[in-house]
Amino acid sequence: MRMPRKLVSNSTIDPATGNICMRRSDPWINNFNEYLIAACRSNMDIKFIWSGSDAKALVYYITDYVTKTSLSFHDTFSLVQKSITSVQNLWNQTNNESAIEKSRKLVLRCYNMLASQQELSGVQVASYLMNWDDHYTTHRFQDLFLIQTERFLQAQLNETRAQQKLETAAQNVIDNDIYDDEAIDNDNNDEEHFQIQSTEHDKKYVLVNIRIDFQYRSDNLNRLCLYDFVSIFYKKKMNSTDLKYLSKIAGSIEEKINQKGRPPNERFLFQKQHPQATTYLMMKYSESHVPVLYGPHMPRRDRDDTRERYCRAILTLFVPWHTVTDLCGISQTWEDAFKFRQHLILRHLWTIIENIQLLHECKKDRDDHLLQVIAEAQADNDSIDPVLIRDEHRTGRSWCPGVLSCPVL
């Protein structure tokens, strides 16, 4: 918010909006708490969190702030270009160095240039001096490219519908179906990512990914959705320990009861259709992971223009399936399929779905709050009487450093 601020003679509360307007006797001082500012000895701008929308805006702001990158891509490229230019000027003066030495100096110069522009907090510096890790998390995470799985299912659905239309046309039956196949977004159509892994005896290689692992999972995991599958299981190559575990699973109940020590992590074989069914298996994590969705954000559920994509994403992620027909019928829209199959979503997964929507609401409230702050700042600046501005501020002198500064939103 711009300075100077609007003067307020008395603190007031708007009963309609719940907005609290604090008394302000000086146009150049932020809202502050005398005890906190004495303890922190830094700039502050306090705002009372009165409503739910303010709380959601604050949550999104803090989350966005702590996860932001230190340098943007264009800033990084600019610094690298500056380093290259500096090294080239140095090479023009001395040409006696080898190519290896020049490469070493170029990499070192680029690194030093980037490191010098990084913003380091007090916590980061303290962690480095104490030889601690550079980060910590309360959970472990697993990547999931959801949009590629969605597009695979959409392509399969379109192909099935096209095949049905051809069969219907061959039988001279009039097709009165008004449903049009959903076009795949070619503008952002990232190809499905695969990994090249070995099969039996490392003599043959195949393309695999999480979608294939999920499709051909064990029959014992048929009730598991994609989200829980990624969260609970991971793929590993079979060894003697795994073979021993699988043989014990087929043993008697008495052997399982007499087993001593910590029980081993559960393991499950793939179906025969999986290209690595004989060499790999699924093993349960000791601690569940949190799937991180890559690609376009999941849409809001209350937007009509992205309703189909929202329903497709929810079904793909939270309803068990092996083929696209397990999620959507040939003559159904994704919205109709969602209404028909939403009862298959487990209770703990509904909490995740609600949190996804809550994230969108937090972002919207943050944006609305920012627009409100800008509008209020412009209105306040227009209504300030120049007589109220102190002489110190007209001349640019700060009479109370540490308190007089731009607010931190």
Protein backbone atom coordinates (compact mmCIF):
# COMPACT_ATOMS: atom_id res chain seq x y z
CA MET A 1 0.00 0.00 0.00
CA ARG A 2 1.31 3.42 -0.90
CA MET A 3 2.30 6.09 1.56
CA PRO A 4 1.06 8.37 3.03
CA ARG A 5 -1.89 6.66 4.70
CA LYS A 6 -5.30 8.12 5.44
CA LEU A 7 -5.70 9.52 8.95
CA VAL A 8 -8.39 7.92 11.14
CA SER A 9 -9.52 9.67 14.31
CA ASN A 10 -11.14 6.64 16.01
CA SER A 11 -11.02 2.86 15.55
CA THR A 12 -14.22 1.49 14.01
CA ILE A 13 -15.75 -1.84 13.00
CA ASP A 14 -18.03 -2.12 9.99
CA PRO A 15 -20.90 -4.47 11.09
CA ALA A 16 -21.78 -5.31 7.48
CA THR A 17 -18.35 -6.44 6.28
CA GLY A 18 -16.56 -7.01 9.58
CA ASN A 19 -13.74 -4.73 8.42
CA ILE A 20 -11.74 -3.19 11.28
CA CYS A 21 -10.33 0.28 10.68
CA MET A 22 -7.69 1.13 13.28
CA ARG A 23 -7.04 4.64 14.54
CA ARG A 24 -4.18 6.33 12.69
CA SER A 25 -2.64 9.57 13.90
CA ASP A 26 0.27 9.66 11.46
CA PRO A 27 0.06 9.04 7.70
CA TRP A 28 3.54 7.48 7.53
CA ILE A 29 3.27 4.71 10.14
CA ASN A 30 2.01 1.16 9.55
CA ASN A 31 -0.25 -0.73 11.93
CA PHE A 32 2.07 -2.11 14.60
CA ASN A 33 2.18 -3.70 18.03
CA GLU A 34 4.58 -1.99 20.39
CA TYR A 35 5.67 -5.21 22.09
CA LEU A 36 6.23 -7.17 18.88
CA ILE A 37 8.11 -4.37 17.18
CA ALA A 38 10.36 -3.98 20.24
CA ALA A 39 11.11 -7.71 20.21
CA CYS A 40 11.55 -8.14 16.44
CA ARG A 41 13.09 -4.72 15.74
CA SER A 42 11.86 -4.81 12.16
CA ASN A 43 9.19 -3.38 9.92
CA MET A 44 5.65 -4.68 10.35
CA ASP A 45 2.11 -4.05 9.17
CA ILE A 46 -0.47 -5.86 11.30
CA LYS A 47 -3.92 -6.75 9.99
CA PHE A 48 -6.59 -8.42 12.08
CA ILE A 49 -7.88 -11.61 10.42
CA TRP A 50 -11.58 -11.16 10.94
CA SER A 51 -13.35 -13.17 8.24
CA GLY A 52 -12.92 -16.56 6.59
CA SER A 53 -11.98 -14.96 3.27
CA ASP A 54 -9.17 -13.03 4.98
CA ALA A 55 -7.92 -16.24 6.57
CA LYS A 56 -7.92 -18.09 3.24
CA ALA A 57 -6.13 -15.20 1.55
CA LEU A 58 -3.49 -15.28 4.29
CA VAL A 59 -3.01 -19.05 3.97
CA TYR A 60 -2.47 -18.80 0.21
CA TYR A 61 -0.11 -15.84 0.59
CA ILE A 62 2.07 -17.64 3.14
CA THR A 63 2.09 -20.86 1.10
CA ASP A 64 2.98 -18.99 -2.07
CA TYR A 65 5.68 -17.01 -0.29
CA VAL A 66 7.51 -19.92 1.34
CA THR A 67 7.48 -21.98 -1.89
CA LYS A 68 8.56 -19.26 -4.30
CA THR A 69 11.80 -19.65 -6.23
CA SER A 70 14.73 -17.45 -5.30
CA LEU A 71 15.37 -16.27 -8.85
CA SER A 72 13.08 -16.24 -11.86
CA PHE A 73 14.17 -17.86 -15.12
CA HIS A 74 14.73 -14.58 -16.94
CA ASP A 75 16.85 -13.26 -14.06
CA THR A 76 18.89 -16.46 -14.07
CA PHE A 77 19.50 -16.31 -17.82
CA SER A 78 20.46 -12.65 -17.55
CA LEU A 79 23.05 -13.41 -14.88
CA VAL A 80 24.44 -16.34 -16.87
CA GLN A 81 24.75 -14.13 -19.95
CA LYS A 82 26.58 -11.55 -17.87
CA SER A 83 28.99 -14.22 -16.63
CA ILE A 84 29.64 -15.50 -20.15
CA THR A 85 30.37 -11.97 -21.39
CA SER A 86 32.77 -11.42 -18.51
CA VAL A 87 34.63 -14.66 -19.22
CA GLN A 88 34.81 -13.92 -22.94
CA ASN A 89 36.42 -10.56 -22.24
CA LEU A 90 38.96 -12.34 -20.06
CA TRP A 91 39.69 -14.88 -22.79
CA ASN A 92 40.36 -12.10 -25.29
CA GLN A 93 43.18 -10.91 -23.06
CA THR A 94 44.73 -14.34 -22.33
CA ASN A 95 44.54 -17.20 -24.82
CA ASN A 96 47.10 -19.48 -23.21
CA GLU A 97 44.64 -21.54 -21.15
CA SER A 98 43.40 -24.97 -22.18
CA ALA A 99 39.79 -25.73 -23.06
CA ILE A 100 39.34 -27.62 -19.78
CA GLU A 101 40.56 -24.67 -17.72
CA LYS A 102 38.33 -22.27 -19.65
CA SER A 103 35.32 -24.52 -19.04
CA ARG A 104 36.11 -24.72 -15.35
CA LYS A 105 36.34 -20.96 -15.02
CA LEU A 106 33.12 -20.47 -16.98
CA VAL A 107 31.16 -22.81 -14.71
CA LEU A 108 32.72 -21.27 -11.60
CA ARG A 109 31.94 -17.73 -12.77
CA CYS A 110 28.31 -18.61 -13.52
CA TYR A 111 27.92 -20.28 -10.14
CA ASN A 112 29.43 -17.34 -8.26
CA MET A 113 27.24 -14.89 -10.15
CA LEU A 114 24.06 -16.84 -9.31
CA ALA A 115 25.07 -17.45 -5.70
CA SER A 116 25.79 -13.77 -5.12
CA GLN A 117 22.21 -12.86 -6.12
CA GLN A 118 20.46 -15.45 -3.96
CA GLU A 119 18.42 -14.15 -1.04
CA LEU A 120 19.34 -16.00 2.16
CA SER A 121 17.20 -15.84 5.27
CA GLY A 122 18.54 -15.98 8.78
CA VAL A 123 17.21 -19.52 9.14
CA GLN A 124 19.10 -20.65 6.03
CA VAL A 125 22.35 -19.10 7.23
CA ALA A 126 21.97 -20.64 10.69
CA SER A 127 21.22 -24.07 9.19
CA TYR A 128 24.32 -23.85 7.03
CA LEU A 129 26.55 -22.81 9.93
CA MET A 130 25.14 -25.62 12.10
CA ASN A 131 25.72 -28.12 9.27
CA TRP A 132 22.03 -29.03 9.13
CA ASP A 133 20.05 -30.08 6.08
CA ASP A 134 18.99 -27.34 3.68
CA HIS A 135 15.33 -28.32 4.05
CA TYR A 136 12.97 -30.51 6.02
CA THR A 137 9.50 -31.85 5.36
CA THR A 138 6.83 -33.51 7.44
CA HIS A 139 5.88 -35.82 4.55
CA ARG A 140 7.46 -37.58 1.62
CA PHE A 141 6.30 -36.89 -1.91
CA GLN A 142 5.82 -38.76 -5.17
CA ASP A 143 5.44 -37.18 -8.61
CA LEU A 144 2.33 -37.87 -10.68
CA PHE A 145 1.72 -36.52 -14.21
CA LEU A 146 -2.06 -36.57 -14.06
CA ILE A 147 -2.83 -34.69 -17.28
CA GLN A 148 -1.02 -37.29 -19.39
CA THR A 149 -3.08 -40.10 -17.88
CA GLU A 150 -6.23 -38.06 -18.50
CA ARG A 151 -5.35 -37.55 -22.14
CA PHE A 152 -4.57 -41.24 -22.57
CA LEU A 153 -8.03 -42.10 -21.23
CA GLN A 154 -9.67 -39.45 -23.41
CA ALA A 155 -7.90 -40.79 -26.50
CA GLN A 156 -9.04 -44.32 -25.64
CA LEU A 157 -12.61 -43.11 -25.15
CA ASN A 158 -12.61 -41.23 -28.45
CA GLU A 159 -11.23 -44.29 -30.22
CA THR A 160 -13.90 -46.53 -28.69
CA ARG A 161 -16.65 -44.12 -29.73
CA ALA A 162 -15.28 -43.89 -33.26
CA GLN A 163 -15.15 -47.68 -33.51
CA GLN A 164 -18.73 -47.95 -32.32
CA LYS A 165 -19.88 -45.40 -34.90
CA LEU A 166 -18.16 -47.36 -37.66
CA GLU A 167 -19.86 -50.56 -36.56
CA THR A 168 -23.20 -48.78 -36.38
CA ALA A 169 -22.75 -47.29 -39.84
CA ALA A 170 -21.86 -50.70 -41.25
CA GLN A 171 -25.18 -52.05 -39.97
CA ASN A 172 -27.05 -49.11 -41.56
CA VAL A 173 -28.39 -47.99 -38.21
CA ILE A 174 -29.15 -44.30 -37.79
CA ASP A 175 -27.12 -42.83 -34.96
CA ASN A 176 -29.13 -40.23 -33.09
CA ASP A 177 -26.50 -39.71 -30.42
CA ILE A 178 -25.95 -35.98 -30.02
CA TYR A 179 -22.76 -36.38 -28.01
CA ASP A 180 -19.59 -35.15 -29.71
CA ASP A 181 -16.23 -36.59 -28.85
CA GLU A 182 -14.16 -34.26 -26.72
CA ALA A 183 -11.21 -32.93 -28.63
CA ILE A 184 -7.83 -33.34 -27.03
CA ASP A 185 -6.09 -30.04 -26.36
CA ASN A 186 -3.29 -30.10 -28.90
CA ASP A 187 -1.93 -26.72 -27.88
CA ASN A 188 -0.69 -28.11 -24.57
CA ASN A 189 -0.67 -31.76 -25.51
CA ASP A 190 2.43 -33.02 -23.73
CA GLU A 191 3.29 -36.51 -24.83
CA GLU A 192 3.00 -39.19 -22.21
CA HIS A 193 6.26 -39.69 -20.37
CA PHE A 194 7.82 -43.14 -20.19
CA GLN A 195 10.87 -44.69 -18.59
CA ILE A 196 13.08 -47.19 -20.37
CA GLN A 197 13.58 -50.17 -18.08
CA SER A 198 14.80 -53.70 -18.50
CA THR A 199 12.69 -56.84 -18.46
CA GLU A 200 13.90 -60.40 -18.01
CA HIS A 201 17.68 -60.88 -17.62
CA ASP A 202 18.32 -57.25 -18.69
CA LYS A 203 18.31 -58.33 -22.34
CA LYS A 204 15.16 -56.52 -23.37
CA TYR A 205 13.94 -53.00 -22.66
CA VAL A 206 10.40 -51.65 -22.54
CA LEU A 207 8.62 -48.33 -22.01
CA VAL A 208 6.80 -48.11 -18.67
CA ASN A 209 5.30 -45.47 -16.39
CA ILE A 210 2.97 -45.15 -13.40
CA ARG A 211 -0.13 -45.38 -15.58
CA ILE A 212 0.91 -48.80 -16.92
CA ASP A 213 1.84 -49.98 -13.43
CA PHE A 214 -1.58 -48.92 -12.15
CA GLN A 215 -3.53 -50.43 -15.03
CA TYR A 216 -1.91 -53.85 -14.62
CA ARG A 217 -1.70 -53.91 -10.83
CA SER A 218 -2.52 -57.06 -8.90
CA ASP A 219 -6.13 -58.19 -8.68
CA ASN A 220 -5.81 -57.81 -4.91
CA LEU A 221 -5.51 -54.04 -5.46
CA ASN A 222 -8.55 -53.65 -7.70
CA ARG A 223 -10.29 -51.35 -5.21
CA LEU A 224 -7.32 -49.00 -5.06
CA CYS A 225 -7.57 -45.68 -6.91
CA LEU A 226 -4.65 -44.00 -8.68
CA TYR A 227 -4.08 -41.50 -5.85
CA ASP A 228 -3.82 -44.19 -3.17
CA PHE A 229 -1.78 -46.42 -5.48
CA VAL A 230 0.90 -43.74 -5.95
CA SER A 231 0.76 -42.88 -2.26
CA ILE A 232 1.12 -46.42 -0.91
CA PHE A 233 3.11 -48.48 -3.43
CA TYR A 234 6.26 -48.26 -5.50
CA LYS A 235 7.79 -50.56 -8.09
CA LYS A 236 11.01 -52.47 -7.47
CA LYS A 237 12.98 -55.19 -9.15
CA MET A 238 12.51 -58.63 -7.65
CA ASN A 239 15.33 -60.22 -5.69
CA SER A 240 15.77 -63.31 -3.54
CA THR A 241 14.14 -61.63 -0.53
CA ASP A 242 11.03 -60.83 -2.56
CA LEU A 243 10.81 -64.38 -3.89
CA LYS A 244 11.12 -65.72 -0.35
CA TYR A 245 8.32 -63.40 0.81
CA LEU A 246 6.04 -64.49 -2.03
CA SER A 247 6.65 -68.15 -1.23
CA LYS A 248 5.77 -67.57 2.43
CA ILE A 249 2.55 -65.82 1.46
CA ALA A 250 1.47 -69.03 -0.20
CA GLY A 251 2.40 -71.01 2.93
CA SER A 252 0.24 -72.11 5.82
CA ILE A 253 -1.47 -69.78 8.29
CA GLU A 254 0.50 -71.36 11.15
CA GLU A 255 3.80 -70.21 9.61
CA LYS A 256 2.50 -66.64 9.41
CA ILE A 257 1.40 -66.68 13.07
CA ASN A 258 4.79 -68.00 14.29
CA GLN A 259 6.71 -65.37 12.32
CA LYS A 260 8.96 -63.27 14.58
CA GLY A 261 10.13 -59.68 14.27
CA ARG A 262 8.68 -56.77 12.37
CA PRO A 263 6.39 -57.91 9.56
CA PRO A 264 7.82 -57.26 6.10
CA ASN A 265 6.29 -54.70 3.77
CA GLU A 266 3.54 -56.11 1.60
CA ARG A 267 4.40 -57.07 -1.97
CA PHE A 268 2.14 -57.74 -4.94
CA LEU A 269 2.82 -59.12 -8.40
CA PHE A 270 1.69 -57.42 -11.58
CA GLN A 271 -0.81 -58.95 -13.95
CA LYS A 272 0.59 -61.00 -16.81
CA GLN A 273 -0.15 -58.19 -19.29
CA HIS A 274 2.42 -55.95 -17.62
CA PRO A 275 5.67 -55.86 -19.65
CA GLN A 276 7.71 -56.43 -16.46
CA ALA A 277 5.44 -58.95 -14.76
CA THR A 278 8.22 -61.52 -14.31
CA THR A 279 10.96 -59.20 -13.05
CA TYR A 280 9.27 -56.42 -11.05
CA LEU A 281 6.64 -56.17 -8.32
CA MET A 282 4.81 -53.57 -6.26
CA MET A 283 6.04 -53.00 -2.71
CA LYS A 284 4.29 -51.03 0.00
CA TYR A 285 5.98 -47.95 1.42
CA SER A 286 6.86 -48.00 5.09
CA GLU A 287 5.37 -44.51 5.22
CA SER A 288 2.75 -43.20 2.81
CA HIS A 289 3.81 -40.55 0.30
CA VAL A 290 1.87 -37.50 -0.86
CA PRO A 291 1.27 -37.41 -4.63
CA VAL A 292 2.33 -34.15 -6.29
CA LEU A 293 0.31 -33.39 -9.43
CA TYR A 294 2.34 -32.03 -12.34
CA GLY A 295 0.89 -30.27 -15.35
CA PRO A 296 -2.10 -27.92 -15.58
CA HIS A 297 -3.88 -27.18 -12.32
CA MET A 298 -7.05 -29.09 -11.60
CA PRO A 299 -9.94 -26.74 -12.46
CA ARG A 300 -12.45 -25.32 -10.01
CA ARG A 301 -15.55 -27.45 -9.67
CA ASP A 302 -17.87 -24.43 -9.88
CA ARG A 303 -16.75 -23.32 -13.36
CA ASP A 304 -19.00 -24.43 -16.20
CA ASP A 305 -16.38 -24.01 -18.94
CA THR A 306 -14.00 -26.53 -17.31
CA ARG A 307 -16.59 -28.83 -15.74
CA GLU A 308 -15.81 -31.74 -18.08
CA ARG A 309 -12.08 -31.54 -17.36
CA TYR A 310 -12.74 -31.35 -13.62
CA CYS A 311 -14.96 -34.46 -13.64
CA ARG A 312 -12.45 -36.35 -15.79
CA ALA A 313 -9.58 -35.47 -13.45
CA ILE A 314 -11.50 -36.45 -10.30
CA LEU A 315 -12.59 -39.77 -11.77
CA THR A 316 -9.09 -40.54 -13.06
CA LEU A 317 -7.50 -39.80 -9.72
CA PHE A 318 -9.98 -41.06 -7.13
CA VAL A 319 -12.03 -43.89 -8.71
CA PRO A 320 -10.48 -47.36 -9.28
CA TRP A 321 -10.12 -48.30 -12.96
CA HIS A 322 -8.30 -50.53 -15.42
CA THR A 323 -9.72 -49.17 -18.68
CA VAL A 324 -11.53 -45.99 -19.63
CA THR A 325 -14.90 -47.77 -19.67
CA ASP A 326 -14.54 -48.29 -15.92
CA LEU A 327 -14.80 -44.50 -15.59
CA CYS A 328 -16.98 -43.27 -18.44
CA GLY A 329 -19.50 -44.98 -20.67
CA ILE A 330 -19.35 -44.60 -24.43
CA SER A 331 -22.56 -42.55 -24.50
CA GLN A 332 -21.82 -40.56 -21.33
CA THR A 333 -20.25 -37.18 -20.75
CA TRP A 334 -17.61 -36.98 -18.05
CA GLU A 335 -20.02 -34.99 -15.90
CA ASP A 336 -22.67 -37.71 -16.21
CA ALA A 337 -20.05 -40.34 -15.45
CA PHE A 338 -18.98 -38.42 -12.34
CA LYS A 339 -22.55 -38.23 -11.05
CA PHE A 340 -23.00 -41.95 -11.70
CA ARG A 341 -19.72 -43.07 -10.05
CA GLN A 342 -19.01 -40.52 -7.32
CA HIS A 343 -20.31 -42.96 -4.70
CA LEU A 344 -17.19 -45.07 -5.40
CA ILE A 345 -14.93 -42.35 -3.96
CA LEU A 346 -13.87 -43.19 -0.41
CA ARG A 347 -14.46 -40.81 2.49
CA HIS A 348 -10.81 -39.87 3.07
CA LEU A 349 -10.48 -39.02 -0.63
CA TRP A 350 -13.39 -36.57 -0.42
CA THR A 351 -11.32 -34.63 2.11
CA ILE A 352 -8.56 -34.28 -0.48
CA ILE A 353 -11.07 -33.18 -3.12
CA GLU A 354 -12.44 -30.52 -0.77
CA ASN A 355 -8.90 -29.33 -0.04
CA ILE A 356 -8.24 -28.94 -3.77
CA GLN A 357 -11.30 -26.70 -4.03
CA LEU A 358 -10.23 -24.85 -0.89
CA LEU A 359 -6.90 -24.05 -2.52
CA HIS A 360 -8.73 -22.39 -5.42
CA GLU A 361 -10.86 -20.40 -2.98
CA CYS A 362 -7.76 -19.26 -1.09
CA LYS A 363 -6.20 -18.02 -4.32
CA LYS A 364 -9.38 -16.19 -5.30
CA ASP A 365 -9.65 -14.51 -1.89
CA ARG A 366 -5.98 -13.54 -2.08
CA ASP A 367 -6.51 -11.92 -5.49
CA ASP A 368 -9.68 -10.15 -4.32
CA HIS A 369 -7.90 -8.89 -1.22
CA LEU A 370 -5.02 -7.57 -3.31
CA LEU A 371 -7.41 -5.67 -5.59
CA GLN A 372 -9.17 -4.26 -2.53
CA VAL A 373 -5.88 -3.08 -1.02
CA ILE A 374 -4.88 -1.38 -4.28
CA ALA A 375 -8.26 0.34 -4.57
CA GLU A 376 -8.14 1.54 -0.96
CA ALA A 377 -4.59 2.79 -1.40
CA GLN A 378 -5.55 4.84 -4.44
CA ALA A 379 -8.60 6.28 -2.67
CA ASP A 380 -6.61 7.11 0.46
CA ASN A 381 -3.83 8.85 -1.45
CA ASP A 382 -6.36 11.04 -3.24
CA SER A 383 -8.01 12.12 0.02
CA ILE A 384 -4.93 13.00 2.10
CA ASP A 385 -4.56 16.65 2.95
CA PRO A 386 -1.00 17.85 2.13
CA VAL A 387 -1.04 19.84 5.36
CA LEU A 388 -0.96 16.56 7.32
CA ILE A 389 2.37 15.55 5.78
CA ARG A 390 5.26 16.37 8.09
CA ASP A 391 8.10 18.57 6.95
CA GLU A 392 10.54 15.71 7.49
CA HIS A 393 8.76 13.65 4.82
CA ARG A 394 8.59 16.53 2.37
CA THR A 395 12.37 16.84 2.55
CA GLY A 396 12.87 13.07 2.40
CA ARG A 397 14.29 12.73 5.95
CA SER A 398 13.16 9.77 8.05
CA TRP A 399 12.43 10.74 11.62
CA CYS A 400 11.81 7.23 12.94
CA PRO A 401 13.80 4.57 11.10
CA GLY A 402 12.61 1.03 11.67
CA VAL A 403 8.97 2.08 11.91
CA LEU A 404 8.59 4.32 8.89
CA SER A 405 8.79 2.08 5.85
CA CYS A 406 6.61 0.51 3.24
CA PRO A 407 4.30 -2.15 4.62
CA VAL A 408 4.80 -5.84 4.20
CA LEU A 409 1.53 -7.34 2.99
